Amino acid sequence: MLMFKAELENSSLLKDSIDSISSLITDATFTISPDGMSLVAMDPASVAMVIFNLLSSSFSEFKVDKEQKITLNVDQFRSILQRASSNDKLILSLDDEKHVLNVSMFGASTRNFNLPLLEDNESSAKVPPLEFSAKIVLDANALKEGVKDASVVSDCVTFETNSEKFVLNAGSETSTSHLEIAKGSPSLFSMEVKETSRAKYSLEYLDKIVKAAKIADKLTIEYSSDYPMKLEFKAIDKVSLSFILAPRVETE
């Protein structure tokens, strides 16, 4: 029999992470190990990859007898976690005999949910080796607002970075949006640029990805011209949620 029990004093860490993941992933296989709870998965269209790590140090109690994998319907998991308030204590435990993940919430009342485990499809994704020419660390909400602005006028947005500024441009035949964050801006924490970079990405995906701004104040963006982009939201010693997004390819 497999043993797993984890207790979270702050349910929002897991709740907000799964909320972001569920907008891209349907069913997912989580790895549970002494290091914590992790996931690497591709969205069904193979446009975006999700890399999630909820560290064991973020739990007030974390017990697992050996590394194990559990496959869940992410939207059902999200729906259950949405029933928890941010002040609720959350306990996850595995009932190997009944083949369910037990989710218990302790607050003004005690509630309990059982989420069935699914068959593992054994098609685990692997994080590709990527090299980037631009790295920007900025206020996560700055990108979130830029994505919202761009979504008003287009379905894609162009990222441009040089040694002096980070720019988002979007537009259609009739309307445009422009966000510019210059070096020295309070919302831009650092910028490393090997060469001027320019690439276009889907706003449909970015709109889902920036939901992760709830879990971290800072966002790290890495990309190169016409190349995949990596976006990482990280709360030190607690949780890391990263996305790799393919560039938008224009067809004439």
C-alpha atoms as a PDB file:
ATOM      1  CA  MET A   1       0.000   0.000   0.000  1.00  0.00           C
ATOM      2  CA  LEU A   2       1.292   3.445  -0.935  1.00  0.00           C
ATOM      3  CA  MET A   3       1.318   6.183   1.685  1.00  0.00           C
ATOM      4  CA  PHE A   4       0.958   9.899   1.073  1.00  0.00           C
ATOM      5  CA  LYS A   5      -0.252  12.663   3.368  1.00  0.00           C
ATOM      6  CA  ALA A   6       0.349  16.390   3.033  1.00  0.00           C
ATOM      7  CA  GLU A   7      -0.962  19.317   5.043  1.00  0.00           C
ATOM      8  CA  LEU A   8      -1.102  22.911   3.782  1.00  0.00           C
ATOM      9  CA  GLU A   9      -1.859  25.784   6.129  1.00  0.00           C
ATOM     10  CA  ASN A  10      -2.321  28.115   3.139  1.00  0.00           C
ATOM     11  CA  SER A  11      -4.598  26.461   0.581  1.00  0.00           C
ATOM     12  CA  SER A  12      -4.118  29.284  -1.954  1.00  0.00           C
ATOM     13  CA  LEU A  13      -0.661  27.992  -2.986  1.00  0.00           C
ATOM     14  CA  LEU A  14      -2.145  24.829  -4.451  1.00  0.00           C
ATOM     15  CA  LYS A  15      -5.525  26.333  -5.284  1.00  0.00           C
ATOM     16  CA  ASP A  16      -4.126  29.173  -7.434  1.00  0.00           C
ATOM     17  CA  SER A  17      -1.558  26.917  -9.121  1.00  0.00           C
ATOM     18  CA  ILE A  18      -4.118  24.309 -10.157  1.00  0.00           C
ATOM     19  CA  ASP A  19      -6.471  27.060 -11.328  1.00  0.00           C
ATOM     20  CA  SER A  20      -3.786  28.217 -13.781  1.00  0.00           C
ATOM     21  CA  ILE A  21      -2.811  24.696 -14.843  1.00  0.00           C
ATOM     22  CA  SER A  22      -6.418  23.635 -15.494  1.00  0.00           C
ATOM     23  CA  SER A  23      -6.851  26.272 -18.194  1.00  0.00           C
ATOM     24  CA  LEU A  24      -4.265  24.399 -20.297  1.00  0.00           C
ATOM     25  CA  ILE A  25      -4.217  20.768 -19.134  1.00  0.00           C
ATOM     26  CA  THR A  26      -7.134  18.302 -18.951  1.00  0.00           C
ATOM     27  CA  ASP A  27      -5.708  15.176 -17.304  1.00  0.00           C
ATOM     28  CA  ALA A  28      -2.281  15.269 -15.654  1.00  0.00           C
ATOM     29  CA  THR A  29       0.090  12.868 -13.939  1.00  0.00           C
ATOM     30  CA  PHE A  30       1.615  14.366 -10.794  1.00  0.00           C
ATOM     31  CA  THR A  31       4.811  13.009  -9.269  1.00  0.00           C
ATOM     32  CA  ILE A  32       4.861  12.884  -5.486  1.00  0.00           C
ATOM     33  CA  SER A  33       8.288  12.500  -3.885  1.00  0.00           C
ATOM     34  CA  PRO A  34      10.102  13.620  -0.726  1.00  0.00           C
ATOM     35  CA  ASP A  35      10.850  16.867  -2.607  1.00  0.00           C
ATOM     36  CA  GLY A  36       7.155  17.693  -3.031  1.00  0.00           C
ATOM     37  CA  MET A  37       4.479  17.545  -5.715  1.00  0.00           C
ATOM     38  CA  SER A  38       5.453  18.138  -9.341  1.00  0.00           C
ATOM     39  CA  LEU A  39       4.112  18.002 -12.875  1.00  0.00           C
ATOM     40  CA  VAL A  40       5.418  18.304 -16.430  1.00  0.00           C
ATOM     41  CA  ALA A  41       2.712  18.218 -19.098  1.00  0.00           C
ATOM     42  CA  MET A  42       1.856  19.453 -22.592  1.00  0.00           C
ATOM     43  CA  ASP A  43      -1.465  20.995 -23.524  1.00  0.00           C
ATOM     44  CA  PRO A  44      -3.535  18.917 -26.008  1.00  0.00           C
ATOM     45  CA  ALA A  45      -2.489  21.111 -28.959  1.00  0.00           C
ATOM     46  CA  SER A  46       1.231  20.830 -28.059  1.00  0.00           C
ATOM     47  CA  VAL A  47       1.561  24.611 -28.010  1.00  0.00           C
ATOM     48  CA  ALA A  48       2.357  25.062 -24.299  1.00  0.00           C
ATOM     49  CA  MET A  49       4.144  23.039 -21.637  1.00  0.00           C
ATOM     50  CA  VAL A  50       3.436  23.328 -17.909  1.00  0.00           C
ATOM     51  CA  ILE A  51       6.185  22.727 -15.323  1.00  0.00           C
ATOM     52  CA  PHE A  52       4.911  22.767 -11.735  1.00  0.00           C
ATOM     53  CA  ASN A  53       6.762  22.218  -8.456  1.00  0.00           C
ATOM     54  CA  LEU A  54       5.095  22.591  -5.067  1.00  0.00           C
ATOM     55  CA  LEU A  55       7.976  22.038  -2.665  1.00  0.00           C
ATOM     56  CA  SER A  56       7.642  19.884   0.441  1.00  0.00           C
ATOM     57  CA  SER A  57       8.919  22.906   2.437  1.00  0.00           C
ATOM     58  CA  SER A  58       5.666  24.733   1.653  1.00  0.00           C
ATOM     59  CA  PHE A  59       3.697  22.117   3.618  1.00  0.00           C
ATOM     60  CA  SER A  60       3.382  22.056   7.400  1.00  0.00           C
ATOM     61  CA  GLU A  61       3.427  18.252   7.116  1.00  0.00           C
ATOM     62  CA  PHE A  62       4.529  16.130   4.166  1.00  0.00           C
ATOM     63  CA  LYS A  63       4.839  12.343   4.300  1.00  0.00           C
ATOM     64  CA  VAL A  64       5.426   9.976   1.401  1.00  0.00           C
ATOM     65  CA  ASP A  65       6.925   6.499   1.647  1.00  0.00           C
ATOM     66  CA  LYS A  66       8.384   6.491  -1.882  1.00  0.00           C
ATOM     67  CA  GLU A  67       8.088   8.356  -5.159  1.00  0.00           C
ATOM     68  CA  GLN A  68       4.746   7.718  -6.798  1.00  0.00           C
ATOM     69  CA  LYS A  69       2.616   9.050  -9.627  1.00  0.00           C
ATOM     70  CA  ILE A  70      -1.074   9.932  -9.517  1.00  0.00           C
ATOM     71  CA  THR A  71      -3.159  10.927 -12.542  1.00  0.00           C
ATOM     72  CA  LEU A  72      -6.052  13.316 -12.000  1.00  0.00           C
ATOM     73  CA  ASN A  73      -8.656  15.199 -13.967  1.00  0.00           C
ATOM     74  CA  VAL A  74      -7.249  18.683 -13.396  1.00  0.00           C
ATOM     75  CA  ASP A  75     -10.549  20.512 -13.839  1.00  0.00           C
ATOM     76  CA  GLN A  76     -12.226  18.306 -11.204  1.00  0.00           C
ATOM     77  CA  PHE A  77      -9.263  18.903  -8.894  1.00  0.00           C
ATOM     78  CA  ARG A  78      -9.598  22.647  -9.494  1.00  0.00           C
ATOM     79  CA  SER A  79     -13.349  22.567  -8.764  1.00  0.00           C
ATOM     80  CA  ILE A  80     -12.733  20.828  -5.436  1.00  0.00           C
ATOM     81  CA  LEU A  81      -9.933  23.205  -4.423  1.00  0.00           C
ATOM     82  CA  GLN A  82     -12.106  26.209  -5.278  1.00  0.00           C
ATOM     83  CA  ARG A  83     -14.354  25.182  -2.383  1.00  0.00           C
ATOM     84  CA  ALA A  84     -11.523  25.982   0.057  1.00  0.00           C
ATOM     85  CA  SER A  85     -11.090  29.477   1.435  1.00  0.00           C
ATOM     86  CA  SER A  86      -7.572  30.914   1.708  1.00  0.00           C
ATOM     87  CA  ASN A  87      -7.734  30.448   5.506  1.00  0.00           C
ATOM     88  CA  ASP A  88      -8.695  26.776   5.350  1.00  0.00           C
ATOM     89  CA  LYS A  89      -6.189  24.113   6.285  1.00  0.00           C
ATOM     90  CA  LEU A  90      -5.922  21.606   3.437  1.00  0.00           C
ATOM     91  CA  ILE A  91      -4.971  17.950   3.845  1.00  0.00           C
ATOM     92  CA  LEU A  92      -4.285  15.664   0.878  1.00  0.00           C
ATOM     93  CA  SER A  93      -4.046  11.922   1.390  1.00  0.00           C
ATOM     94  CA  LEU A  94      -3.992   8.919  -0.869  1.00  0.00           C
ATOM     95  CA  ASP A  95      -6.401   6.010  -0.414  1.00  0.00           C
ATOM     96  CA  ASP A  96      -4.624   3.394  -2.488  1.00  0.00           C
ATOM     97  CA  GLU A  97      -7.267   0.718  -1.854  1.00  0.00           C
ATOM     98  CA  LYS A  98     -10.151   2.875  -3.057  1.00  0.00           C
ATOM     99  CA  HIS A  99      -7.944   4.452  -5.741  1.00  0.00           C
ATOM    100  CA  VAL A 100      -8.851   8.011  -4.771  1.00  0.00           C
ATOM    101  CA  LEU A 101      -7.167  11.193  -3.605  1.00  0.00           C
ATOM    102  CA  ASN A 102      -8.800  12.446  -0.450  1.00  0.00           C
ATOM    103  CA  VAL A 103      -9.013  16.240  -0.081  1.00  0.00           C
ATOM    104  CA  SER A 104     -10.009  17.493   3.375  1.00  0.00           C
ATOM    105  CA  MET A 105     -10.654  21.122   4.339  1.00  0.00           C
ATOM    106  CA  PHE A 106     -10.637  22.444   7.891  1.00  0.00           C
ATOM    107  CA  GLY A 107     -12.037  25.900   8.611  1.00  0.00           C
ATOM    108  CA  ALA A 108     -15.388  27.032   9.958  1.00  0.00           C
ATOM    109  CA  SER A 109     -16.488  23.485   9.130  1.00  0.00           C
ATOM    110  CA  THR A 110     -14.824  20.241   8.102  1.00  0.00           C
ATOM    111  CA  ARG A 111     -15.365  19.066   4.543  1.00  0.00           C
ATOM    112  CA  ASN A 112     -14.086  16.052   2.676  1.00  0.00           C
ATOM    113  CA  PHE A 113     -13.890  15.195  -1.033  1.00  0.00           C
ATOM    114  CA  ASN A 114     -12.733  12.078  -2.865  1.00  0.00           C
ATOM    115  CA  LEU A 115     -11.227  12.529  -6.316  1.00  0.00           C
ATOM    116  CA  PRO A 116     -10.841   9.322  -8.372  1.00  0.00           C
ATOM    117  CA  LEU A 117      -7.403   8.489  -9.728  1.00  0.00           C
ATOM    118  CA  LEU A 118      -7.173   7.905 -13.477  1.00  0.00           C
ATOM    119  CA  GLU A 119      -5.081   5.441 -15.431  1.00  0.00           C
ATOM    120  CA  ASP A 120      -1.593   6.791 -16.145  1.00  0.00           C
ATOM    121  CA  ASN A 121      -1.174   7.201 -19.894  1.00  0.00           C
ATOM    122  CA  GLU A 122       2.616   6.894 -19.421  1.00  0.00           C
ATOM    123  CA  SER A 123       3.269   9.610 -22.011  1.00  0.00           C
ATOM    124  CA  SER A 124       5.127  11.918 -19.635  1.00  0.00           C
ATOM    125  CA  ALA A 125       6.549  15.063 -21.206  1.00  0.00           C
ATOM    126  CA  LYS A 126      10.189  16.082 -20.845  1.00  0.00           C
ATOM    127  CA  VAL A 127      11.422  19.647 -20.479  1.00  0.00           C
ATOM    128  CA  PRO A 128      13.374  20.501 -23.650  1.00  0.00           C
ATOM    129  CA  PRO A 129      16.870  22.024 -23.462  1.00  0.00           C
ATOM    130  CA  LEU A 130      16.497  25.668 -24.500  1.00  0.00           C
ATOM    131  CA  GLU A 131      18.920  28.578 -24.807  1.00  0.00           C
ATOM    132  CA  PHE A 132      17.633  32.149 -24.710  1.00  0.00           C
ATOM    133  CA  SER A 133      19.008  35.505 -25.810  1.00  0.00           C
ATOM    134  CA  ALA A 134      16.856  37.680 -23.512  1.00  0.00           C
ATOM    135  CA  LYS A 135      15.935  37.359 -19.834  1.00  0.00           C
ATOM    136  CA  ILE A 136      13.583  39.836 -18.177  1.00  0.00           C
ATOM    137  CA  VAL A 137      12.462  39.857 -14.545  1.00  0.00           C
ATOM    138  CA  LEU A 138       9.464  42.110 -14.018  1.00  0.00           C
ATOM    139  CA  ASP A 139       6.345  42.715 -11.977  1.00  0.00           C
ATOM    140  CA  ALA A 140       3.980  39.870 -12.888  1.00  0.00           C
ATOM    141  CA  ASN A 141       0.993  42.211 -13.002  1.00  0.00           C
ATOM    142  CA  ALA A 142       2.781  44.417 -15.547  1.00  0.00           C
ATOM    143  CA  LEU A 143       2.722  41.569 -18.060  1.00  0.00           C
ATOM    144  CA  LYS A 144      -0.831  40.653 -17.066  1.00  0.00           C
ATOM    145  CA  GLU A 145      -2.025  44.179 -17.859  1.00  0.00           C
ATOM    146  CA  GLY A 146      -0.024  44.252 -21.090  1.00  0.00           C
ATOM    147  CA  VAL A 147      -1.648  41.010 -22.215  1.00  0.00           C
ATOM    148  CA  LYS A 148      -5.095  42.420 -21.401  1.00  0.00           C
ATOM    149  CA  ASP A 149      -4.324  45.563 -23.435  1.00  0.00           C
ATOM    150  CA  ALA A 150      -3.126  43.530 -26.412  1.00  0.00           C
ATOM    151  CA  SER A 151      -6.180  41.244 -26.282  1.00  0.00           C
ATOM    152  CA  VAL A 152      -8.417  44.253 -26.977  1.00  0.00           C
ATOM    153  CA  VAL A 153      -6.919  44.731 -30.445  1.00  0.00           C
ATOM    154  CA  SER A 154      -5.493  41.385 -31.596  1.00  0.00           C
ATOM    155  CA  ASP A 155      -5.151  37.638 -31.056  1.00  0.00           C
ATOM    156  CA  CYS A 156      -1.342  37.717 -30.899  1.00  0.00           C
ATOM    157  CA  VAL A 157       1.346  39.960 -29.432  1.00  0.00           C
ATOM    158  CA  THR A 158       4.946  40.686 -30.365  1.00  0.00           C
ATOM    159  CA  PHE A 159       7.620  40.733 -27.651  1.00  0.00           C
ATOM    160  CA  GLU A 160      10.635  42.939 -28.406  1.00  0.00           C
ATOM    161  CA  THR A 161      13.667  43.394 -26.158  1.00  0.00           C
ATOM    162  CA  ASN A 162      16.893  45.317 -26.554  1.00  0.00           C
ATOM    163  CA  SER A 163      19.472  46.532 -24.050  1.00  0.00           C
ATOM    164  CA  GLU A 164      17.288  49.516 -23.071  1.00  0.00           C
ATOM    165  CA  LYS A 165      13.667  48.362 -22.998  1.00  0.00           C
ATOM    166  CA  PHE A 166      11.083  45.604 -23.064  1.00  0.00           C
ATOM    167  CA  VAL A 167       8.155  46.164 -25.439  1.00  0.00           C
ATOM    168  CA  LEU A 168       4.810  44.491 -26.227  1.00  0.00           C
ATOM    169  CA  ASN A 169       3.130  45.398 -29.521  1.00  0.00           C
ATOM    170  CA  ALA A 170      -0.202  44.182 -30.842  1.00  0.00           C
ATOM    171  CA  GLY A 171      -2.505  45.393 -33.556  1.00  0.00           C
ATOM    172  CA  SER A 172      -5.016  44.868 -36.305  1.00  0.00           C
ATOM    173  CA  GLU A 173      -5.821  46.882 -39.408  1.00  0.00           C
ATOM    174  CA  THR A 174      -7.707  49.425 -37.316  1.00  0.00           C
ATOM    175  CA  SER A 175      -6.295  49.320 -33.771  1.00  0.00           C
ATOM    176  CA  THR A 176      -2.984  48.935 -31.951  1.00  0.00           C
ATOM    177  CA  SER A 177      -1.656  48.605 -28.409  1.00  0.00           C
ATOM    178  CA  HIS A 178       1.851  49.340 -27.157  1.00  0.00           C
ATOM    179  CA  LEU A 179       3.458  48.639 -23.785  1.00  0.00           C
ATOM    180  CA  GLU A 180       6.999  49.817 -23.112  1.00  0.00           C
ATOM    181  CA  ILE A 181       8.962  49.193 -19.927  1.00  0.00           C
ATOM    182  CA  ALA A 182      12.323  50.941 -19.978  1.00  0.00           C
ATOM    183  CA  LYS A 183      15.426  49.992 -18.051  1.00  0.00           C
ATOM    184  CA  GLY A 184      15.200  51.658 -14.628  1.00  0.00           C
ATOM    185  CA  SER A 185      11.418  51.361 -14.441  1.00  0.00           C
ATOM    186  CA  PRO A 186      10.204  50.254 -10.972  1.00  0.00           C
ATOM    187  CA  SER A 187       8.298  47.363 -12.582  1.00  0.00           C
ATOM    188  CA  LEU A 188      11.438  46.032 -14.320  1.00  0.00           C
ATOM    189  CA  PHE A 189      13.728  44.333 -11.813  1.00  0.00           C
ATOM    190  CA  SER A 190      16.451  43.131 -14.166  1.00  0.00           C
ATOM    191  CA  MET A 191      17.188  42.561 -17.838  1.00  0.00           C
ATOM    192  CA  GLU A 192      19.909  40.508 -19.532  1.00  0.00           C
ATOM    193  CA  VAL A 193      20.073  40.799 -23.314  1.00  0.00           C
ATOM    194  CA  LYS A 194      22.640  38.948 -25.434  1.00  0.00           C
ATOM    195  CA  GLU A 195      21.059  40.265 -28.621  1.00  0.00           C
ATOM    196  CA  THR A 196      17.931  42.160 -29.642  1.00  0.00           C
ATOM    197  CA  SER A 197      15.054  39.658 -29.653  1.00  0.00           C
ATOM    198  CA  ARG A 198      11.655  39.721 -31.317  1.00  0.00           C
ATOM    199  CA  ALA A 199       8.972  37.019 -31.361  1.00  0.00           C
ATOM    200  CA  LYS A 200       5.198  36.720 -31.651  1.00  0.00           C
ATOM    201  CA  TYR A 201       2.983  34.636 -29.334  1.00  0.00           C
ATOM    202  CA  SER A 202      -0.670  33.680 -28.988  1.00  0.00           C
ATOM    203  CA  LEU A 203      -2.725  35.896 -26.681  1.00  0.00           C
ATOM    204  CA  GLU A 204      -5.191  33.069 -26.112  1.00  0.00           C
ATOM    205  CA  TYR A 205      -2.429  31.127 -24.362  1.00  0.00           C
ATOM    206  CA  LEU A 206      -0.809  34.112 -22.659  1.00  0.00           C
ATOM    207  CA  ASP A 207      -4.159  35.147 -21.196  1.00  0.00           C
ATOM    208  CA  LYS A 208      -4.362  31.737 -19.513  1.00  0.00           C
ATOM    209  CA  ILE A 209      -0.724  31.745 -18.429  1.00  0.00           C
ATOM    210  CA  VAL A 210      -0.812  35.156 -16.711  1.00  0.00           C
ATOM    211  CA  LYS A 211      -3.464  33.844 -14.320  1.00  0.00           C
ATOM    212  CA  ALA A 212      -0.433  32.481 -12.458  1.00  0.00           C
ATOM    213  CA  ALA A 213       0.407  36.053 -11.385  1.00  0.00           C
ATOM    214  CA  LYS A 214      -1.649  35.217  -8.287  1.00  0.00           C
ATOM    215  CA  ILE A 215       1.117  32.988  -6.919  1.00  0.00           C
ATOM    216  CA  ALA A 216       4.128  35.315  -7.322  1.00  0.00           C
ATOM    217  CA  ASP A 217       4.831  39.038  -7.517  1.00  0.00           C
ATOM    218  CA  LYS A 218       7.776  38.591  -9.891  1.00  0.00           C
ATOM    219  CA  LEU A 219       7.855  36.938 -13.286  1.00  0.00           C
ATOM    220  CA  THR A 220      10.903  35.779 -15.240  1.00  0.00           C
ATOM    221  CA  ILE A 221      10.564  35.793 -19.036  1.00  0.00           C
ATOM    222  CA  GLU A 222      13.168  34.157 -21.276  1.00  0.00           C
ATOM    223  CA  TYR A 223      12.975  34.028 -25.060  1.00  0.00           C
ATOM    224  CA  SER A 224      14.801  34.526 -28.364  1.00  0.00           C
ATOM    225  CA  SER A 225      13.726  35.714 -31.802  1.00  0.00           C
ATOM    226  CA  ASP A 226      11.075  33.414 -33.314  1.00  0.00           C
ATOM    227  CA  TYR A 227      11.732  30.876 -30.573  1.00  0.00           C
ATOM    228  CA  PRO A 228       9.803  29.350 -27.651  1.00  0.00           C
ATOM    229  CA  MET A 229       9.344  31.507 -24.568  1.00  0.00           C
ATOM    230  CA  LYS A 230       9.676  30.409 -20.940  1.00  0.00           C
ATOM    231  CA  LEU A 231       7.686  32.224 -18.257  1.00  0.00           C
ATOM    232  CA  GLU A 232       8.337  31.387 -14.603  1.00  0.00           C
ATOM    233  CA  PHE A 233       6.269  32.434 -11.579  1.00  0.00           C
ATOM    234  CA  LYS A 234       8.102  31.539  -8.377  1.00  0.00           C
ATOM    235  CA  ALA A 235       7.530  31.931  -4.647  1.00  0.00           C
ATOM    236  CA  ILE A 236      10.887  31.131  -3.024  1.00  0.00           C
ATOM    237  CA  ASP A 237      10.969  27.835  -1.069  1.00  0.00           C
ATOM    238  CA  LYS A 238       7.286  27.289  -1.804  1.00  0.00           C
ATOM    239  CA  VAL A 239       6.139  26.917  -5.387  1.00  0.00           C
ATOM    240  CA  SER A 240       7.347  27.337  -8.951  1.00  0.00           C
ATOM    241  CA  LEU A 241       5.017  27.366 -11.960  1.00  0.00           C
ATOM    242  CA  SER A 242       6.609  27.688 -15.397  1.00  0.00           C
ATOM    243  CA  PHE A 243       5.267  27.629 -18.926  1.00  0.00           C
ATOM    244  CA  ILE A 244       7.031  27.076 -22.239  1.00  0.00           C
ATOM    245  CA  LEU A 245       5.072  28.630 -25.093  1.00  0.00           C
ATOM    246  CA  ALA A 246       5.713  28.010 -28.787  1.00  0.00           C
ATOM    247  CA  PRO A 247       6.020  31.105 -31.004  1.00  0.00           C
ATOM    248  CA  ARG A 248       3.187  32.123 -33.274  1.00  0.00           C
ATOM    249  CA  VAL A 249       4.001  31.129 -36.837  1.00  0.00           C
ATOM    250  CA  GLU A 250       2.458  33.367 -39.464  1.00  0.00           C
ATOM    251  CA  THR A 251       1.260  31.720 -42.673  1.00  0.00           C
ATOM    252  CA  GLU A 252       1.012  33.761 -45.815  1.00  0.00           C
END
